[in-house]
Amino acid sequence: MNTDTLLLGVDGGGTHCRARLSAPSGTILGEGSAGSANIRFGLREALREVLSATRQCLGQAGRSPDDLRRVTACLALAGASEPTNLAWARREEHPFAHTIITTDAHAACVGAHRGQDGAIIVVGTGTIGWAELMGRHFRVGGWGPPVSDEGSGAWLGCEALRRVLWAHDGRVQWTGLLSKLFDRFQHDPHAIVRWTLNASPRDFGTLAPLVVEYAKRGDPAGIELMQLAAGHIDALAARLVALGARRLALVGGLAPHMEQWISQSTRTHLVQPAGDALDGALQLARAAAEALAA
């Protein structure tokens, strides 16, 4: 690899985007962060956030925008698991010398297992199971709301609001969690319905911390929702294990809060992730730069 090459890894998630710039030696030169980079909800907007985080990296490294022409970049982006979205992203003109685009789940799996065989379940704004086994990718779930991503932060937020409306109807009992959420909408069920019409998965996901908090307090609705979410995570895990995964890591913002709720069967396969999606993206960028130099 040319010593003038710069390596950029980007983890573009549904909530925020992180970037890291590295020298070929592995020395970290700069880091940056920006908003959501889910290309499913706007390719140009996502790439704008990627560039914003990248500029922060360059600034920390004391580099100029001209140095983008020396960068081999791996952009690991939410929404890139969909073929149409991925094709659009690859057709865009990027400012880097070389650009590879993959999913944030792929990069997270590479980072979690240092490029070795293994599987992950991302539990964040969305959910997805991903495995890297014998040189092949396997994806389970993660098709996006409203038809998928069960057990995610967005799913928890949506299901919690559903139960608020049930409580308003008299179909279930009010709990502290449901009352707290109803307070947010001034006790107006129509306000909830209006809000959901334009709410993004990220918006629904902002309600998930309340579910986690109230479940820890013993709130019946919070406990029910965390148990249901864990059941969906267990189902993803069971499929990944059936595909041949023996090492499984939970990653994503909700992962630490989910571990106590998942089954013992899932726990037997859990390992601590060695790294995250940003580490994986940098590893993929390095591999691409080395292949180009070969």
Protein backbone atom coordinates (compact mmCIF):
# COMPACT_ATOMS: atom_id res chain seq x y z
CA MET A 1 0.00 0.00 0.00
CA ASN A 2 1.26 3.48 -0.88
CA THR A 3 2.39 5.35 2.24
CA ASP A 4 0.54 8.43 0.95
CA THR A 5 -2.77 6.58 1.13
CA LEU A 6 -5.23 7.58 3.83
CA LEU A 7 -7.85 5.14 5.09
CA LEU A 8 -11.35 6.23 6.04
CA GLY A 9 -13.96 4.13 7.80
CA VAL A 10 -17.53 5.36 8.14
CA ASP A 11 -20.26 3.82 10.26
CA GLY A 12 -23.45 5.40 8.95
CA GLY A 13 -26.27 4.34 11.23
CA GLY A 14 -29.91 5.26 11.43
CA THR A 15 -29.35 7.66 14.32
CA HIS A 16 -25.89 9.06 13.70
CA CYS A 17 -22.81 8.76 11.52
CA ARG A 18 -19.23 8.27 12.73
CA ALA A 19 -16.01 8.50 10.74
CA ARG A 20 -12.38 7.69 11.48
CA LEU A 21 -9.29 8.56 9.43
CA SER A 22 -6.20 6.40 9.66
CA ALA A 23 -2.68 6.29 8.29
CA PRO A 24 -1.50 3.04 6.62
CA SER A 25 0.44 2.30 9.83
CA GLY A 26 -2.84 2.17 11.74
CA THR A 27 -2.31 5.47 13.51
CA ILE A 28 -5.64 7.24 14.02
CA LEU A 29 -5.44 10.72 12.56
CA GLY A 30 -8.91 12.05 13.26
CA GLU A 31 -12.51 11.25 14.10
CA GLY A 32 -15.84 12.90 13.38
CA SER A 33 -19.56 12.47 13.83
CA ALA A 34 -22.74 13.77 12.21
CA GLY A 35 -26.44 12.93 11.81
CA SER A 36 -28.29 9.94 10.40
CA ALA A 37 -26.77 8.30 7.33
CA ASN A 38 -29.53 5.85 6.48
CA ILE A 39 -29.67 5.97 2.68
CA ARG A 40 -33.13 4.43 2.67
CA PHE A 41 -34.52 7.77 3.86
CA GLY A 42 -32.49 10.04 1.59
CA LEU A 43 -29.27 9.24 -0.23
CA ARG A 44 -28.05 12.79 -0.71
CA GLU A 45 -28.84 13.69 2.88
CA ALA A 46 -26.97 10.63 4.15
CA LEU A 47 -23.90 11.36 2.02
CA ARG A 48 -23.94 14.96 3.22
CA GLU A 49 -23.67 13.70 6.80
CA VAL A 50 -20.85 11.35 5.78
CA LEU A 51 -18.94 14.26 4.25
CA SER A 52 -19.53 16.39 7.34
CA ALA A 53 -18.05 13.71 9.60
CA THR A 54 -15.16 13.22 7.15
CA ARG A 55 -14.31 16.93 7.16
CA GLN A 56 -14.09 16.79 10.94
CA CYS A 57 -11.56 13.96 10.57
CA LEU A 58 -9.50 16.00 8.14
CA GLY A 59 -9.60 19.03 10.43
CA GLN A 60 -8.35 17.01 13.41
CA ALA A 61 -5.60 15.54 11.25
CA GLY A 62 -4.50 18.95 10.01
CA ARG A 63 -5.34 17.98 6.44
CA SER A 64 -7.08 19.90 3.69
CA PRO A 65 -10.04 18.87 1.50
CA ASP A 66 -7.51 18.20 -1.27
CA ASP A 67 -6.37 15.17 0.73
CA LEU A 68 -9.67 13.45 -0.02
CA ARG A 69 -8.05 12.40 -3.30
CA ARG A 70 -5.65 10.23 -1.27
CA VAL A 71 -8.39 8.46 0.67
CA THR A 72 -9.58 4.88 0.27
CA ALA A 73 -12.93 4.91 2.01
CA CYS A 74 -15.31 2.26 3.23
CA LEU A 75 -18.78 3.71 3.74
CA ALA A 76 -20.79 1.26 5.84
CA LEU A 77 -24.31 2.68 5.59
CA ALA A 78 -27.69 1.79 7.01
CA GLY A 79 -30.06 1.00 4.14
CA ALA A 80 -27.28 -0.31 1.89
CA SER A 81 -28.52 -3.86 2.38
CA GLU A 82 -31.25 -3.08 -0.15
CA PRO A 83 -29.97 -3.64 -3.72
CA THR A 84 -31.61 -0.54 -5.22
CA ASN A 85 -30.31 1.73 -2.47
CA LEU A 86 -26.85 0.23 -2.79
CA ALA A 87 -26.82 0.70 -6.57
CA TRP A 88 -27.85 4.36 -6.17
CA ALA A 89 -25.11 4.95 -3.63
CA ARG A 90 -22.47 3.35 -5.84
CA ARG A 91 -23.53 5.45 -8.84
CA GLU A 92 -22.98 8.67 -6.91
CA GLU A 93 -19.80 10.63 -7.52
CA HIS A 94 -17.72 10.40 -4.36
CA PRO A 95 -14.81 12.71 -3.48
CA PHE A 96 -12.45 9.91 -2.49
CA ALA A 97 -9.74 8.22 -4.55
CA HIS A 98 -11.47 4.87 -4.03
CA THR A 99 -14.80 4.12 -2.41
CA ILE A 100 -16.39 0.88 -1.33
CA ILE A 101 -19.93 0.88 0.01
CA THR A 102 -21.41 -1.83 2.18
CA THR A 103 -23.95 -2.18 4.94
CA ASP A 104 -23.37 -1.07 8.50
CA ALA A 105 -24.27 -4.62 9.57
CA HIS A 106 -21.48 -6.11 7.41
CA ALA A 107 -18.92 -3.72 8.88
CA ALA A 108 -20.20 -4.37 12.40
CA CYS A 109 -19.76 -8.11 11.91
CA VAL A 110 -16.23 -7.68 10.56
CA GLY A 111 -15.37 -5.42 13.48
CA ALA A 112 -16.96 -7.65 16.11
CA HIS A 113 -15.00 -10.75 15.04
CA ARG A 114 -11.86 -9.08 13.58
CA GLY A 115 -12.73 -10.45 10.15
CA GLN A 116 -13.10 -14.04 11.36
CA ASP A 117 -16.23 -16.17 11.07
CA GLY A 118 -19.04 -15.10 13.37
CA ALA A 119 -22.39 -13.42 13.58
CA ILE A 120 -23.93 -10.33 15.08
CA ILE A 121 -27.35 -9.02 15.92
CA VAL A 122 -27.60 -5.25 15.68
CA VAL A 123 -30.07 -3.95 18.25
CA GLY A 124 -30.36 -0.23 17.69
CA THR A 125 -32.86 1.99 15.92
CA GLY A 126 -33.42 -1.10 13.75
CA THR A 127 -32.50 -4.76 14.11
CA ILE A 128 -30.73 -7.14 11.77
CA GLY A 129 -28.89 -10.41 12.06
CA TRP A 130 -25.73 -10.83 10.00
CA ALA A 131 -23.18 -13.62 9.69
CA GLU A 132 -19.84 -13.99 7.92
CA LEU A 133 -19.25 -17.71 7.44
CA MET A 134 -16.72 -19.37 5.14
CA GLY A 135 -16.51 -16.29 2.93
CA ARG A 136 -20.28 -15.93 2.57
CA HIS A 137 -22.69 -13.30 3.95
CA PHE A 138 -25.96 -14.28 5.60
CA ARG A 139 -28.63 -11.75 6.49
CA VAL A 140 -31.64 -12.36 8.72
CA GLY A 141 -34.31 -9.68 9.18
CA GLY A 142 -33.57 -5.99 9.02
CA TRP A 143 -36.05 -5.31 6.22
CA GLY A 144 -37.09 -2.03 7.79
CA PRO A 145 -40.25 -0.76 9.49
CA PRO A 146 -43.12 -1.27 9.46
CA VAL A 147 -42.78 -4.84 8.18
CA SER A 148 -39.56 -5.82 9.98
CA ASP A 149 -36.94 -4.75 12.56
CA GLU A 150 -38.83 -6.35 15.43
CA GLY A 151 -37.19 -5.88 18.81
CA SER A 152 -35.51 -2.62 17.79
CA GLY A 153 -35.70 0.81 19.37
CA ALA A 154 -38.15 1.92 16.68
CA TRP A 155 -40.26 -1.19 17.26
CA LEU A 156 -40.27 -0.62 21.03
CA GLY A 157 -41.38 2.99 20.55
CA CYS A 158 -44.19 2.01 18.19
CA GLU A 159 -45.42 -0.84 20.39
CA ALA A 160 -45.36 1.40 23.46
CA LEU A 161 -47.57 3.98 21.73
CA ARG A 162 -49.89 1.20 20.59
CA ARG A 163 -50.37 0.26 24.25
CA VAL A 164 -51.00 3.87 25.20
CA LEU A 165 -53.91 3.86 22.77
CA TRP A 166 -55.08 0.51 24.14
CA ALA A 167 -55.03 1.96 27.64
CA HIS A 168 -56.97 5.01 26.46
CA ASP A 169 -59.57 2.66 24.95
CA GLY A 170 -59.79 0.72 28.21
CA ARG A 171 -58.40 -2.46 26.68
CA VAL A 172 -55.37 -2.63 29.00
CA GLN A 173 -54.49 -1.13 32.36
CA TRP A 174 -52.59 2.13 32.60
CA THR A 175 -49.02 1.83 33.89
CA GLY A 176 -46.41 4.42 34.77
CA LEU A 177 -44.77 4.01 31.37
CA LEU A 178 -47.99 4.40 29.42
CA SER A 179 -49.06 7.42 31.47
CA LYS A 180 -45.64 9.05 30.95
CA LEU A 181 -45.89 8.60 27.21
CA PHE A 182 -49.46 9.92 27.15
CA ASP A 183 -48.22 13.02 28.99
CA ARG A 184 -45.92 13.72 26.06
CA PHE A 185 -48.93 14.05 23.81
CA GLN A 186 -51.01 16.15 26.24
CA HIS A 187 -53.34 13.18 26.81
CA ASP A 188 -54.62 13.45 23.25
CA PRO A 189 -54.83 10.16 21.32
CA HIS A 190 -55.33 12.06 18.07
CA ALA A 191 -51.99 13.82 18.66
CA ILE A 192 -50.34 10.39 18.80
CA VAL A 193 -51.92 9.37 15.52
CA ARG A 194 -50.91 12.64 13.83
CA TRP A 195 -47.34 12.28 15.10
CA THR A 196 -47.00 8.75 13.74
CA LEU A 197 -47.98 9.85 10.22
CA ASN A 198 -44.63 11.57 9.68
CA ALA A 199 -42.45 9.97 12.36
CA SER A 200 -39.26 8.25 11.19
CA PRO A 201 -37.79 5.10 12.76
CA ARG A 202 -35.36 7.40 14.52
CA ASP A 203 -38.29 9.33 16.01
CA PHE A 204 -39.92 6.15 17.29
CA GLY A 205 -36.53 5.07 18.64
CA THR A 206 -36.32 8.13 20.88
CA LEU A 207 -39.10 6.55 22.99
CA ALA A 208 -37.15 3.32 23.59
CA PRO A 209 -35.06 4.64 26.52
CA LEU A 210 -38.29 5.22 28.46
CA VAL A 211 -39.31 1.61 27.88
CA VAL A 212 -35.90 0.42 29.12
CA GLU A 213 -36.04 2.72 32.17
CA TYR A 214 -39.54 1.71 33.22
CA ALA A 215 -38.86 -1.98 32.69
CA LYS A 216 -35.97 -1.68 35.16
CA ARG A 217 -38.43 -0.13 37.64
CA GLY A 218 -40.74 -3.12 37.29
CA ASP A 219 -43.39 -1.43 35.15
CA PRO A 220 -45.64 -4.19 33.71
CA ALA A 221 -45.88 -2.63 30.23
CA GLY A 222 -42.14 -2.00 30.12
CA ILE A 223 -41.38 -5.57 31.17
CA GLU A 224 -43.82 -6.98 28.63
CA LEU A 225 -42.24 -4.96 25.82
CA MET A 226 -38.66 -5.91 26.74
CA GLN A 227 -39.65 -9.57 26.94
CA LEU A 228 -41.34 -9.40 23.55
CA ALA A 229 -38.32 -7.62 22.05
CA ALA A 230 -35.99 -10.24 23.51
CA GLY A 231 -38.11 -12.98 21.95
CA HIS A 232 -37.53 -11.43 18.53
CA ILE A 233 -33.79 -11.22 19.22
CA ASP A 234 -33.80 -14.87 20.28
CA ALA A 235 -35.48 -15.79 16.98
CA LEU A 236 -32.79 -13.98 14.99
CA ALA A 237 -30.11 -15.70 17.07
CA ALA A 238 -31.64 -19.14 16.54
CA ARG A 239 -31.61 -18.69 12.78
CA LEU A 240 -28.00 -17.47 12.73
CA VAL A 241 -26.93 -20.46 14.82
CA ALA A 242 -28.84 -22.79 12.46
CA LEU A 243 -26.87 -21.26 9.57
CA GLY A 244 -23.63 -22.30 11.27
CA ALA A 245 -22.67 -19.35 13.48
CA ARG A 246 -21.02 -20.44 16.71
CA ARG A 247 -19.97 -17.03 17.94
CA LEU A 248 -22.61 -14.35 18.28
CA ALA A 249 -22.22 -10.73 19.40
CA LEU A 250 -24.95 -8.27 20.30
CA VAL A 251 -24.13 -4.76 19.09
CA GLY A 252 -25.93 -1.45 18.85
CA GLY A 253 -27.22 1.09 21.31
CA LEU A 254 -29.86 -1.18 22.87
CA ALA A 255 -27.65 -4.27 23.07
CA PRO A 256 -26.45 -3.73 26.68
CA HIS A 257 -30.05 -3.34 27.84
CA MET A 258 -31.25 -6.44 26.01
CA GLU A 259 -28.85 -9.01 27.43
CA GLN A 260 -30.75 -9.58 30.67
CA TRP A 261 -33.94 -10.36 28.78
CA ILE A 262 -32.73 -12.83 26.16
CA SER A 263 -32.89 -16.59 26.61
CA GLN A 264 -30.20 -18.83 28.06
CA SER A 265 -30.03 -20.58 24.69
CA THR A 266 -28.98 -17.33 23.03
CA ARG A 267 -26.56 -16.50 25.84
CA THR A 268 -24.59 -19.71 25.32
CA HIS A 269 -23.38 -18.35 21.97
CA LEU A 270 -22.64 -14.79 23.05
CA VAL A 271 -19.15 -13.32 22.88
CA GLN A 272 -18.01 -9.79 23.54
CA PRO A 273 -17.45 -7.90 20.28
CA ALA A 274 -13.77 -7.29 19.61
CA GLY A 275 -14.59 -4.03 17.83
CA ASP A 276 -17.46 -2.09 16.31
CA ALA A 277 -18.69 -1.11 12.87
CA LEU A 278 -16.14 1.69 12.64
CA ASP A 279 -13.32 -0.78 13.27
CA GLY A 280 -14.84 -3.08 10.66
CA ALA A 281 -15.17 -0.29 8.09
CA LEU A 282 -11.51 0.64 8.55
CA GLN A 283 -10.51 -3.01 8.18
CA LEU A 284 -12.49 -3.22 4.92
CA ALA A 285 -10.94 0.04 3.70
CA ARG A 286 -7.48 -1.35 4.43
CA ALA A 287 -8.24 -4.57 2.54
CA ALA A 288 -9.47 -2.57 -0.44
CA ALA A 289 -6.35 -0.38 -0.46
CA GLU A 290 -4.09 -3.42 -0.27
CA ALA A 291 -5.97 -5.11 -3.12
CA LEU A 292 -5.60 -1.99 -5.27
CA ALA A 293 -1.88 -1.91 -4.59
CA ALA A 294 -1.35 -5.58 -5.39
